[in-house]
């Protein structure tokens, strides 16, 4: 089995299908964008390419996504 730190690392890198893992997966992909700002179309494309439903994001999820993007960039 995995140790707790291994599970946390997997979630941080978006390798788990937990809510935080999905947000981190999208954030890591968006952080690779050459654009300075992310528009709705790019956000939606990125979500879909990551296997995440863009319509499932709540305001709290978007806030968490912004914090993760700030951390990564």
N, C-alpha and C. Protein backbone atom coordinates (compact mmCIF):
# COMPACT_ATOMS: atom_id res chain seq x y z
N UNK A 1 0.84 -1.19 0.00
CA UNK A 1 0.00 0.00 0.00
C UNK A 1 0.88 1.25 0.00
N UNK A 2 0.24 2.36 -0.30
CA UNK A 2 0.96 3.63 -0.34
C UNK A 2 1.04 4.26 1.04
N UNK A 3 2.11 4.94 1.28
CA UNK A 3 2.27 5.74 2.50
C UNK A 3 1.47 7.03 2.33
N UNK A 4 1.15 7.68 3.44
CA UNK A 4 0.36 8.92 3.39
C UNK A 4 1.05 9.99 2.56
N UNK A 5 2.37 10.12 2.68
CA UNK A 5 3.08 11.14 1.91
C UNK A 5 3.04 10.86 0.42
N UNK A 6 3.01 9.56 0.05
CA UNK A 6 2.94 9.20 -1.36
C UNK A 6 1.57 9.57 -1.94
N UNK A 7 0.52 9.31 -1.16
CA UNK A 7 -0.83 9.68 -1.60
C UNK A 7 -0.96 11.19 -1.75
N UNK A 8 -0.38 11.93 -0.82
CA UNK A 8 -0.42 13.40 -0.89
C UNK A 8 0.32 13.90 -2.13
N UNK A 9 1.44 13.30 -2.43
CA UNK A 9 2.22 13.69 -3.61
C UNK A 9 1.45 13.37 -4.89
N UNK A 10 0.81 12.21 -4.93
CA UNK A 10 0.02 11.83 -6.10
C UNK A 10 -1.14 12.81 -6.31
N UNK A 11 -1.77 13.21 -5.23
CA UNK A 11 -2.87 14.17 -5.32
C UNK A 11 -2.35 15.53 -5.78
N UNK A 12 -1.20 15.95 -5.26
CA UNK A 12 -0.62 17.23 -5.62
C UNK A 12 -0.30 17.29 -7.11
N UNK A 13 0.11 16.18 -7.69
CA UNK A 13 0.44 16.14 -9.11
C UNK A 13 -0.76 15.79 -9.98
N UNK A 14 -1.95 15.71 -9.38
CA UNK A 14 -3.16 15.47 -10.16
C UNK A 14 -3.33 14.05 -10.64
N UNK A 15 -2.72 13.12 -9.94
CA UNK A 15 -2.79 11.72 -10.36
C UNK A 15 -3.94 10.96 -9.71
N UNK A 16 -4.69 11.65 -8.87
CA UNK A 16 -5.82 11.00 -8.20
C UNK A 16 -7.11 11.69 -8.63
N UNK A 17 -8.20 10.98 -8.57
CA UNK A 17 -9.48 11.53 -8.98
C UNK A 17 -10.26 12.12 -7.82
N UNK A 18 -9.56 12.58 -6.79
CA UNK A 18 -10.21 13.33 -5.73
C UNK A 18 -10.47 14.73 -6.26
N UNK A 19 -11.31 15.49 -5.60
CA UNK A 19 -11.60 16.86 -6.03
C UNK A 19 -10.32 17.68 -6.12
N UNK A 20 -9.49 17.60 -5.10
CA UNK A 20 -8.23 18.34 -5.10
C UNK A 20 -7.31 17.83 -6.20
N UNK A 21 -7.27 16.53 -6.40
CA UNK A 21 -6.44 15.96 -7.45
C UNK A 21 -6.84 16.44 -8.83
N UNK A 22 -8.15 16.52 -9.09
CA UNK A 22 -8.63 17.00 -10.38
C UNK A 22 -8.29 18.47 -10.58
N UNK A 23 -8.46 19.26 -9.55
CA UNK A 23 -8.11 20.68 -9.64
C UNK A 23 -6.62 20.84 -9.89
N UNK A 24 -5.81 20.06 -9.20
CA UNK A 24 -4.36 20.13 -9.40
C UNK A 24 -3.98 19.69 -10.81
N UNK A 25 -4.67 18.70 -11.34
CA UNK A 25 -4.39 18.24 -12.70
C UNK A 25 -4.62 19.37 -13.70
N UNK A 26 -5.74 20.06 -13.57
CA UNK A 26 -6.05 21.18 -14.47
C UNK A 26 -5.06 22.32 -14.25
N UNK A 27 -4.74 22.62 -13.00
CA UNK A 27 -3.80 23.71 -12.70
C UNK A 27 -2.43 23.45 -13.30
N UNK A 28 -1.95 22.25 -13.18
CA UNK A 28 -0.62 21.93 -13.73
C UNK A 28 -0.60 22.07 -15.25
N UNK A 29 -1.69 21.70 -15.91
CA UNK A 29 -1.76 21.84 -17.36
C UNK A 29 -1.88 23.31 -17.74
N UNK A 30 -2.70 24.08 -17.01
CA UNK A 30 -2.84 25.51 -17.31
C UNK A 30 -1.54 26.26 -17.05
N UNK A 31 -0.78 25.82 -16.08
CA UNK A 31 0.50 26.48 -15.76
C UNK A 31 1.48 26.37 -16.92
N UNK A 32 1.28 25.41 -17.79
CA UNK A 32 2.16 25.23 -18.96
C UNK A 32 1.76 26.12 -20.12
N UNK A 33 0.64 26.81 -20.00
CA UNK A 33 0.16 27.67 -21.08
C UNK A 33 1.10 28.85 -21.30
N UNK A 34 1.36 29.20 -22.54
CA UNK A 34 2.21 30.35 -22.82
C UNK A 34 1.48 31.68 -22.62
N UNK A 35 0.17 31.63 -22.43
CA UNK A 35 -0.63 32.84 -22.27
C UNK A 35 -0.51 33.41 -20.86
N UNK A 36 -0.54 34.73 -20.76
CA UNK A 36 -0.48 35.38 -19.46
C UNK A 36 -1.82 35.31 -18.73
N UNK A 37 -2.89 35.25 -19.48
CA UNK A 37 -4.22 35.11 -18.86
C UNK A 37 -4.95 33.97 -19.55
N UNK A 38 -5.79 33.31 -18.81
CA UNK A 38 -6.52 32.14 -19.29
C UNK A 38 -7.96 32.56 -19.54
N UNK A 39 -8.42 32.38 -20.77
CA UNK A 39 -9.82 32.70 -21.05
C UNK A 39 -10.68 31.46 -20.83
N UNK A 40 -11.98 31.66 -20.93
CA UNK A 40 -12.93 30.57 -20.68
C UNK A 40 -12.73 29.41 -21.64
N UNK A 41 -12.49 29.71 -22.91
CA UNK A 41 -12.32 28.66 -23.91
C UNK A 41 -11.10 27.80 -23.58
N UNK A 42 -9.98 28.42 -23.19
CA UNK A 42 -8.79 27.66 -22.85
C UNK A 42 -9.01 26.83 -21.59
N UNK A 43 -9.70 27.42 -20.62
CA UNK A 43 -10.02 26.70 -19.38
C UNK A 43 -10.83 25.46 -19.71
N UNK A 44 -11.87 25.61 -20.54
CA UNK A 44 -12.73 24.49 -20.89
C UNK A 44 -11.97 23.42 -21.67
N UNK A 45 -11.16 23.83 -22.64
CA UNK A 45 -10.35 22.87 -23.42
C UNK A 45 -9.41 22.09 -22.51
N UNK A 46 -8.78 22.81 -21.59
CA UNK A 46 -7.84 22.16 -20.68
C UNK A 46 -8.55 21.16 -19.79
N UNK A 47 -9.69 21.55 -19.25
CA UNK A 47 -10.45 20.62 -18.40
C UNK A 47 -10.79 19.35 -19.17
N UNK A 48 -11.31 19.53 -20.38
CA UNK A 48 -11.72 18.37 -21.17
C UNK A 48 -10.52 17.49 -21.51
N UNK A 49 -9.39 18.11 -21.83
CA UNK A 49 -8.20 17.31 -22.14
C UNK A 49 -7.67 16.57 -20.92
N UNK A 50 -7.99 17.07 -19.73
CA UNK A 50 -7.57 16.41 -18.49
C UNK A 50 -8.62 15.41 -17.98
N UNK A 51 -9.73 15.29 -18.69
CA UNK A 51 -10.79 14.38 -18.26
C UNK A 51 -11.60 14.93 -17.11
N UNK A 52 -11.72 16.26 -17.04
CA UNK A 52 -12.46 16.92 -15.96
C UNK A 52 -13.61 17.70 -16.59
N UNK A 53 -14.78 17.61 -16.00
CA UNK A 53 -15.95 18.34 -16.49
C UNK A 53 -15.82 19.81 -16.08
N UNK A 54 -15.66 20.73 -17.03
CA UNK A 54 -15.48 22.14 -16.66
C UNK A 54 -16.71 22.72 -15.98
N UNK A 55 -17.89 22.16 -16.23
CA UNK A 55 -19.11 22.66 -15.61
C UNK A 55 -19.27 22.22 -14.16
N UNK A 56 -18.40 21.33 -13.72
CA UNK A 56 -18.50 20.84 -12.34
C UNK A 56 -17.78 21.76 -11.34
N UNK A 57 -17.04 22.74 -11.84
CA UNK A 57 -16.29 23.64 -10.95
C UNK A 57 -17.22 24.60 -10.22
N UNK A 58 -17.08 24.64 -8.92
CA UNK A 58 -17.79 25.62 -8.11
C UNK A 58 -16.87 26.83 -7.91
N UNK A 59 -17.38 27.88 -7.32
CA UNK A 59 -16.53 29.04 -7.06
C UNK A 59 -15.39 28.66 -6.12
N UNK A 60 -15.66 27.81 -5.16
CA UNK A 60 -14.62 27.34 -4.25
C UNK A 60 -13.53 26.58 -5.01
N UNK A 61 -13.94 25.76 -5.98
CA UNK A 61 -12.97 25.03 -6.81
C UNK A 61 -12.12 25.99 -7.63
N UNK A 62 -12.76 27.01 -8.19
CA UNK A 62 -12.03 28.00 -8.98
C UNK A 62 -11.04 28.77 -8.12
N UNK A 63 -11.43 29.07 -6.88
CA UNK A 63 -10.52 29.74 -5.95
C UNK A 63 -9.32 28.85 -5.64
N UNK A 64 -9.58 27.56 -5.43
CA UNK A 64 -8.50 26.61 -5.17
C UNK A 64 -7.60 26.48 -6.40
N UNK A 65 -8.19 26.48 -7.58
CA UNK A 65 -7.43 26.42 -8.82
C UNK A 65 -6.52 27.65 -8.94
N UNK A 66 -7.04 28.82 -8.62
CA UNK A 66 -6.24 30.05 -8.69
C UNK A 66 -5.07 29.99 -7.71
N UNK A 67 -5.32 29.50 -6.49
CA UNK A 67 -4.24 29.39 -5.51
C UNK A 67 -3.15 28.44 -6.01
N UNK A 68 -3.57 27.32 -6.61
CA UNK A 68 -2.58 26.35 -7.12
C UNK A 68 -1.81 26.95 -8.30
N UNK A 69 -2.47 27.68 -9.17
CA UNK A 69 -1.79 28.33 -10.28
C UNK A 69 -0.77 29.36 -9.77
N UNK A 70 -1.16 30.12 -8.76
CA UNK A 70 -0.23 31.10 -8.17
C UNK A 70 1.00 30.40 -7.58
N UNK A 71 0.78 29.25 -7.01
CA UNK A 71 1.86 28.47 -6.41
C UNK A 71 2.82 27.93 -7.49
N UNK A 72 2.24 27.54 -8.64
CA UNK A 72 3.02 26.92 -9.70
C UNK A 72 3.75 27.92 -10.59
N UNK A 73 3.24 29.14 -10.65
CA UNK A 73 3.85 30.13 -11.56
C UNK A 73 4.57 31.22 -10.81
